[in-house]
Amino acid sequence: MLSLRDVHAFYGHIHALMGIDLDVKDKEIVCLLGANGAGKSTTLKSVMGLVDGLRGEILVCGRSVVGWAPPKVVALGIALVPEGRRIFPDLTVAENLMMGA
């Protein structure tokens, strides 16, 4: 369902991801673990199209999503749910999720 091949991500001159490979099969649950600064969030942001400096291949259901805008990636069923910051307390969970799309 999701494949990353030799993914490199950059924030300006900072090389944040260095050749990530990852496969997530249909109905499989995968957890990214690591210390602060290890690249967990950058990996997920790369899949969502939120990192400008990106090299490598990201496939969702066999389709390359590199260079896609986040709403187009979301339409394939992939979403990033950030931690407790930047939510709107008066909105429902569904409404908060739509604000990021």
Protein backbone atom coordinates (compact mmCIF):
# COMPACT_ATOMS: atom_id res chain seq x y z
CA MET A 1 0.00 0.00 0.00
CA LEU A 2 2.82 2.43 0.89
CA SER A 3 6.42 2.14 -0.29
CA LEU A 4 9.32 4.50 0.21
CA ARG A 5 12.50 3.85 -1.75
CA ASP A 6 15.73 5.70 -1.07
CA VAL A 7 13.87 8.79 0.18
CA HIS A 8 16.05 11.78 1.03
CA ALA A 9 14.54 14.96 2.46
CA PHE A 10 16.18 18.33 2.86
CA TYR A 11 15.33 21.49 4.75
CA GLY A 12 17.53 23.94 2.89
CA HIS A 13 21.06 22.58 3.25
CA ILE A 14 20.13 20.22 6.08
CA HIS A 15 19.92 16.59 4.93
CA ALA A 16 17.12 15.41 7.24
CA LEU A 17 16.38 11.94 5.76
CA MET A 18 19.15 9.86 4.30
CA GLY A 19 17.84 7.03 2.14
CA ILE A 20 14.72 5.80 3.93
CA ASP A 21 13.20 2.52 2.69
CA LEU A 22 9.82 1.46 4.08
CA ASP A 23 6.99 -0.87 3.06
CA VAL A 24 3.54 -0.92 4.61
CA LYS A 25 1.23 -3.62 3.33
CA ASP A 26 -2.57 -3.48 3.21
CA LYS A 27 -4.12 -3.84 6.70
CA GLU A 28 -0.69 -3.68 8.32
CA ILE A 29 0.04 -1.34 11.22
CA VAL A 30 3.51 0.19 11.33
CA CYS A 31 4.95 2.42 14.02
CA LEU A 32 7.89 4.77 13.54
CA LEU A 33 9.95 5.02 16.69
CA GLY A 34 13.01 7.10 17.38
CA ALA A 35 14.55 9.90 19.35
CA ASN A 36 13.76 13.55 18.76
CA GLY A 37 15.32 14.62 15.48
CA ALA A 38 15.49 11.06 14.08
CA GLY A 39 13.23 11.89 11.12
CA LYS A 40 9.86 10.42 12.10
CA SER A 41 7.85 13.56 11.34
CA THR A 42 9.91 14.35 8.26
CA THR A 43 9.20 10.85 6.90
CA LEU A 44 5.45 11.34 7.33
CA LYS A 45 5.55 14.90 5.97
CA SER A 46 7.43 13.59 2.93
CA VAL A 47 4.66 11.09 2.20
CA MET A 48 2.07 13.86 2.53
CA GLY A 49 3.87 16.19 0.13
CA LEU A 50 4.80 18.70 2.82
CA VAL A 51 8.58 18.65 2.24
CA ASP A 52 9.94 20.68 -0.66
CA GLY A 53 13.45 19.19 -0.79
CA LEU A 54 12.74 15.54 -1.60
CA ARG A 55 14.49 12.83 -3.59
CA GLY A 56 13.52 9.20 -4.02
CA GLU A 57 10.32 7.32 -4.69
CA ILE A 58 7.10 7.30 -2.67
CA LEU A 59 4.33 5.01 -3.89
CA VAL A 60 0.78 4.82 -2.56
CA CYS A 61 -1.15 1.86 -3.97
CA GLY A 62 1.47 1.62 -6.72
CA ARG A 63 1.19 5.29 -7.76
CA SER A 64 4.05 7.74 -7.33
CA VAL A 65 2.96 10.67 -5.17
CA VAL A 66 6.23 12.61 -5.27
CA GLY A 67 5.40 16.21 -6.11
CA TRP A 68 1.70 15.84 -5.33
CA ALA A 69 -0.14 18.44 -3.26
CA PRO A 70 -1.35 17.16 0.14
CA PRO A 71 -5.09 17.16 -0.76
CA LYS A 72 -4.36 14.83 -3.67
CA VAL A 73 -2.46 12.43 -1.37
CA VAL A 74 -5.33 12.56 1.14
CA ALA A 75 -7.74 11.56 -1.64
CA LEU A 76 -5.81 8.25 -1.85
CA GLY A 77 -6.60 7.56 1.82
CA ILE A 78 -3.35 8.76 3.41
CA ALA A 79 -3.54 11.35 6.16
CA LEU A 80 -1.24 12.86 8.74
CA VAL A 81 -2.81 13.53 12.13
CA PRO A 82 -0.50 15.85 14.06
CA GLU A 83 -0.03 15.67 17.78
CA GLY A 84 -2.13 17.81 20.13
CA ARG A 85 -0.96 21.19 18.88
CA ARG A 86 -2.78 23.47 16.44
CA ILE A 87 -6.26 22.11 16.91
CA PHE A 88 -9.44 24.13 17.12
CA PRO A 89 -11.07 23.25 20.46
CA ASP A 90 -14.59 24.18 19.35
CA LEU A 91 -14.54 21.83 16.33
CA THR A 92 -15.18 18.10 16.23
CA VAL A 93 -12.37 15.66 15.48
CA ALA A 94 -13.65 15.29 11.90
CA GLU A 95 -13.80 19.06 11.44
CA ASN A 96 -10.25 19.47 12.79
CA LEU A 97 -8.98 16.80 10.38
CA MET A 98 -10.63 18.56 7.43
CA MET A 99 -8.94 21.85 8.38
CA GLY A 100 -5.58 20.29 7.51
CA ALA A 101 -6.70 18.94 4.14
